[in-house]
Amino acid sequence: MSKVLKNRSSSIVYSTFSDLNSLHSEEENEHEIGPDSVSLGVRFEKKGRSGKTATLIFGVDVLPAERRSELAKQVRVHCGTGGSAAEDHILLQGDQVNKVMKFLQNQGYKVKKIGG
């Protein structure tokens, strides 16, 4: 019986493709999304929250999870309020629509107010 490798990442893989390194660098560049190519929507919400107000930022699902959580932290610190980051939106406590819109525009994002 042969032994099973416990660490599969140490397995050696050979390729006849001569430009393999440049292929990996191109794939990494494709995943980087600039702020100017992301369109975000900001909305004030009170309904269904027991009378408490919240500001939601939509459109963050196109960002990688790491950048999404980093952006959520930056916005929370800028507004001086609590909040959380989900897969499809960022939630902030209170009515922070104007602060959030100015902050995101300064960061280079396309921002649109949703609702009244």
C-alpha atoms as a PDB file:
ATOM      1  CA  MET A   1       0.000   0.000   0.000  1.00  0.00           C
ATOM      2  CA  SER A   2       1.183   3.460  -0.732  1.00  0.00           C
ATOM      3  CA  LYS A   3       1.163   6.235   1.832  1.00  0.00           C
ATOM      4  CA  VAL A   4      -1.252   9.098   1.354  1.00  0.00           C
ATOM      5  CA  LEU A   5       0.324  12.542   1.415  1.00  0.00           C
ATOM      6  CA  LYS A   6      -1.067  14.554   4.293  1.00  0.00           C
ATOM      7  CA  ASN A   7       0.041  17.877   2.846  1.00  0.00           C
ATOM      8  CA  ARG A   8      -1.224  18.039  -0.718  1.00  0.00           C
ATOM      9  CA  SER A   9       0.234  21.530  -1.265  1.00  0.00           C
ATOM     10  CA  SER A  10       3.740  20.058  -1.262  1.00  0.00           C
ATOM     11  CA  SER A  11       2.964  17.838  -4.259  1.00  0.00           C
ATOM     12  CA  ILE A  12       5.006  18.663  -7.342  1.00  0.00           C
ATOM     13  CA  VAL A  13       3.101  19.431 -10.519  1.00  0.00           C
ATOM     14  CA  TYR A  14       4.818  19.649 -13.895  1.00  0.00           C
ATOM     15  CA  SER A  15       3.493  21.576 -16.834  1.00  0.00           C
ATOM     16  CA  THR A  16       4.482  21.932 -20.461  1.00  0.00           C
ATOM     17  CA  PHE A  17       2.997  25.426 -20.495  1.00  0.00           C
ATOM     18  CA  SER A  18       6.013  27.715 -20.592  1.00  0.00           C
ATOM     19  CA  ASP A  19       4.315  30.928 -19.459  1.00  0.00           C
ATOM     20  CA  LEU A  20       2.633  29.610 -16.300  1.00  0.00           C
ATOM     21  CA  ASN A  21       3.834  32.422 -13.997  1.00  0.00           C
ATOM     22  CA  SER A  22       2.403  35.162 -16.203  1.00  0.00           C
ATOM     23  CA  LEU A  23      -0.926  33.299 -16.318  1.00  0.00           C
ATOM     24  CA  HIS A  24      -1.203  33.419 -12.520  1.00  0.00           C
ATOM     25  CA  SER A  25      -0.340  37.128 -12.368  1.00  0.00           C
ATOM     26  CA  GLU A  26      -3.037  37.933 -14.954  1.00  0.00           C
ATOM     27  CA  GLU A  27      -5.658  36.042 -12.928  1.00  0.00           C
ATOM     28  CA  GLU A  28      -4.727  37.964  -9.777  1.00  0.00           C
ATOM     29  CA  ASN A  29      -5.082  41.303 -11.591  1.00  0.00           C
ATOM     30  CA  GLU A  30      -8.545  40.361 -12.868  1.00  0.00           C
ATOM     31  CA  HIS A  31      -9.835  39.992  -9.304  1.00  0.00           C
ATOM     32  CA  GLU A  32      -8.815  43.496  -8.276  1.00  0.00           C
ATOM     33  CA  ILE A  33     -11.793  45.799  -8.564  1.00  0.00           C
ATOM     34  CA  GLY A  34     -11.184  49.529  -8.425  1.00  0.00           C
ATOM     35  CA  PRO A  35     -13.540  51.739  -6.427  1.00  0.00           C
ATOM     36  CA  ASP A  36     -14.509  53.686  -9.558  1.00  0.00           C
ATOM     37  CA  SER A  37     -15.983  50.527 -11.126  1.00  0.00           C
ATOM     38  CA  VAL A  38     -18.218  49.757  -8.113  1.00  0.00           C
ATOM     39  CA  SER A  39     -21.641  51.370  -7.849  1.00  0.00           C
ATOM     40  CA  LEU A  40     -23.033  51.486  -4.314  1.00  0.00           C
ATOM     41  CA  GLY A  41     -26.505  52.374  -3.096  1.00  0.00           C
ATOM     42  CA  VAL A  42     -27.157  53.988   0.294  1.00  0.00           C
ATOM     43  CA  ARG A  43     -30.573  53.764   1.961  1.00  0.00           C
ATOM     44  CA  PHE A  44     -32.130  54.881   5.252  1.00  0.00           C
ATOM     45  CA  GLU A  45     -34.372  52.272   6.839  1.00  0.00           C
ATOM     46  CA  LYS A  46     -36.656  52.267   9.882  1.00  0.00           C
ATOM     47  CA  LYS A  47     -39.321  49.737   9.013  1.00  0.00           C
ATOM     48  CA  GLY A  48     -39.103  46.315  10.646  1.00  0.00           C
ATOM     49  CA  ARG A  49     -36.480  47.376  13.194  1.00  0.00           C
ATOM     50  CA  SER A  50     -38.706  48.152  16.199  1.00  0.00           C
ATOM     51  CA  GLY A  51     -38.504  51.886  15.524  1.00  0.00           C
ATOM     52  CA  LYS A  52     -34.706  51.953  15.398  1.00  0.00           C
ATOM     53  CA  THR A  53     -33.054  53.634  12.440  1.00  0.00           C
ATOM     54  CA  ALA A  54     -30.394  52.102  10.227  1.00  0.00           C
ATOM     55  CA  THR A  55     -28.381  53.028   7.164  1.00  0.00           C
ATOM     56  CA  LEU A  56     -27.707  50.288   4.616  1.00  0.00           C
ATOM     57  CA  ILE A  57     -25.062  50.274   1.899  1.00  0.00           C
ATOM     58  CA  PHE A  58     -25.910  47.961  -1.002  1.00  0.00           C
ATOM     59  CA  GLY A  59     -23.750  46.734  -3.888  1.00  0.00           C
ATOM     60  CA  VAL A  60     -20.812  45.593  -1.782  1.00  0.00           C
ATOM     61  CA  ASP A  61     -21.335  41.965  -2.832  1.00  0.00           C
ATOM     62  CA  VAL A  62     -19.021  42.521  -5.828  1.00  0.00           C
ATOM     63  CA  LEU A  63     -16.121  43.282  -3.474  1.00  0.00           C
ATOM     64  CA  PRO A  64     -13.981  40.501  -2.012  1.00  0.00           C
ATOM     65  CA  ALA A  65     -14.889  39.621   1.584  1.00  0.00           C
ATOM     66  CA  GLU A  66     -11.666  41.111   2.915  1.00  0.00           C
ATOM     67  CA  ARG A  67     -12.243  44.489   1.248  1.00  0.00           C
ATOM     68  CA  ARG A  68     -15.917  44.441   2.242  1.00  0.00           C
ATOM     69  CA  SER A  69     -15.125  44.051   5.941  1.00  0.00           C
ATOM     70  CA  GLU A  70     -12.336  46.648   5.693  1.00  0.00           C
ATOM     71  CA  LEU A  71     -14.719  49.139   4.048  1.00  0.00           C
ATOM     72  CA  ALA A  72     -17.343  48.453   6.727  1.00  0.00           C
ATOM     73  CA  LYS A  73     -14.814  49.198   9.446  1.00  0.00           C
ATOM     74  CA  GLN A  74     -13.665  52.412   7.758  1.00  0.00           C
ATOM     75  CA  VAL A  75     -17.264  53.644   7.377  1.00  0.00           C
ATOM     76  CA  ARG A  76     -18.129  52.759  10.993  1.00  0.00           C
ATOM     77  CA  VAL A  77     -15.069  54.609  12.287  1.00  0.00           C
ATOM     78  CA  HIS A  78     -15.775  57.629  10.064  1.00  0.00           C
ATOM     79  CA  CYS A  79     -19.381  57.866  11.245  1.00  0.00           C
ATOM     80  CA  GLY A  80     -18.564  56.989  14.853  1.00  0.00           C
ATOM     81  CA  THR A  81     -21.280  54.374  15.071  1.00  0.00           C
ATOM     82  CA  GLY A  82     -21.769  50.626  15.269  1.00  0.00           C
ATOM     83  CA  GLY A  83     -22.688  48.334  12.458  1.00  0.00           C
ATOM     84  CA  SER A  84     -21.981  45.095  10.682  1.00  0.00           C
ATOM     85  CA  ALA A  85     -21.026  43.714   7.290  1.00  0.00           C
ATOM     86  CA  ALA A  86     -23.046  41.019   5.575  1.00  0.00           C
ATOM     87  CA  GLU A  87     -22.464  39.416   2.188  1.00  0.00           C
ATOM     88  CA  ASP A  88     -24.721  41.770   0.245  1.00  0.00           C
ATOM     89  CA  HIS A  89     -24.827  44.913   2.406  1.00  0.00           C
ATOM     90  CA  ILE A  90     -23.234  46.943   5.184  1.00  0.00           C
ATOM     91  CA  LEU A  91     -25.492  48.022   8.041  1.00  0.00           C
ATOM     92  CA  LEU A  92     -24.829  51.095  10.193  1.00  0.00           C
ATOM     93  CA  GLN A  93     -26.778  52.217  13.231  1.00  0.00           C
ATOM     94  CA  GLY A  94     -28.644  55.503  12.915  1.00  0.00           C
ATOM     95  CA  ASP A  95     -29.297  57.949  10.093  1.00  0.00           C
ATOM     96  CA  GLN A  96     -25.835  58.283   8.542  1.00  0.00           C
ATOM     97  CA  VAL A  97     -26.794  58.626   4.856  1.00  0.00           C
ATOM     98  CA  ASN A  98     -25.140  61.989   4.159  1.00  0.00           C
ATOM     99  CA  LYS A  99     -21.911  61.131   6.015  1.00  0.00           C
ATOM    100  CA  VAL A 100     -21.684  57.758   4.295  1.00  0.00           C
ATOM    101  CA  MET A 101     -22.300  59.191   0.830  1.00  0.00           C
ATOM    102  CA  LYS A 102     -19.599  61.863   1.239  1.00  0.00           C
ATOM    103  CA  PHE A 103     -17.126  59.337   2.641  1.00  0.00           C
ATOM    104  CA  LEU A 104     -17.683  56.805  -0.149  1.00  0.00           C
ATOM    105  CA  GLN A 105     -17.449  59.484  -2.836  1.00  0.00           C
ATOM    106  CA  ASN A 106     -14.141  60.647  -1.369  1.00  0.00           C
ATOM    107  CA  GLN A 107     -12.928  57.037  -1.506  1.00  0.00           C
ATOM    108  CA  GLY A 108     -13.733  56.979  -5.244  1.00  0.00           C
ATOM    109  CA  TYR A 109     -16.923  54.893  -5.260  1.00  0.00           C
ATOM    110  CA  LYS A 110     -19.967  55.729  -7.378  1.00  0.00           C
ATOM    111  CA  VAL A 111     -22.720  56.371  -4.824  1.00  0.00           C
ATOM    112  CA  LYS A 112     -26.457  56.693  -5.354  1.00  0.00           C
ATOM    113  CA  LYS A 113     -29.109  57.424  -2.738  1.00  0.00           C
ATOM    114  CA  ILE A 114     -31.927  54.900  -2.741  1.00  0.00           C
ATOM    115  CA  GLY A 115     -35.375  56.055  -1.659  1.00  0.00           C
ATOM    116  CA  GLY A 116     -36.607  59.420  -0.364  1.00  0.00           C
END
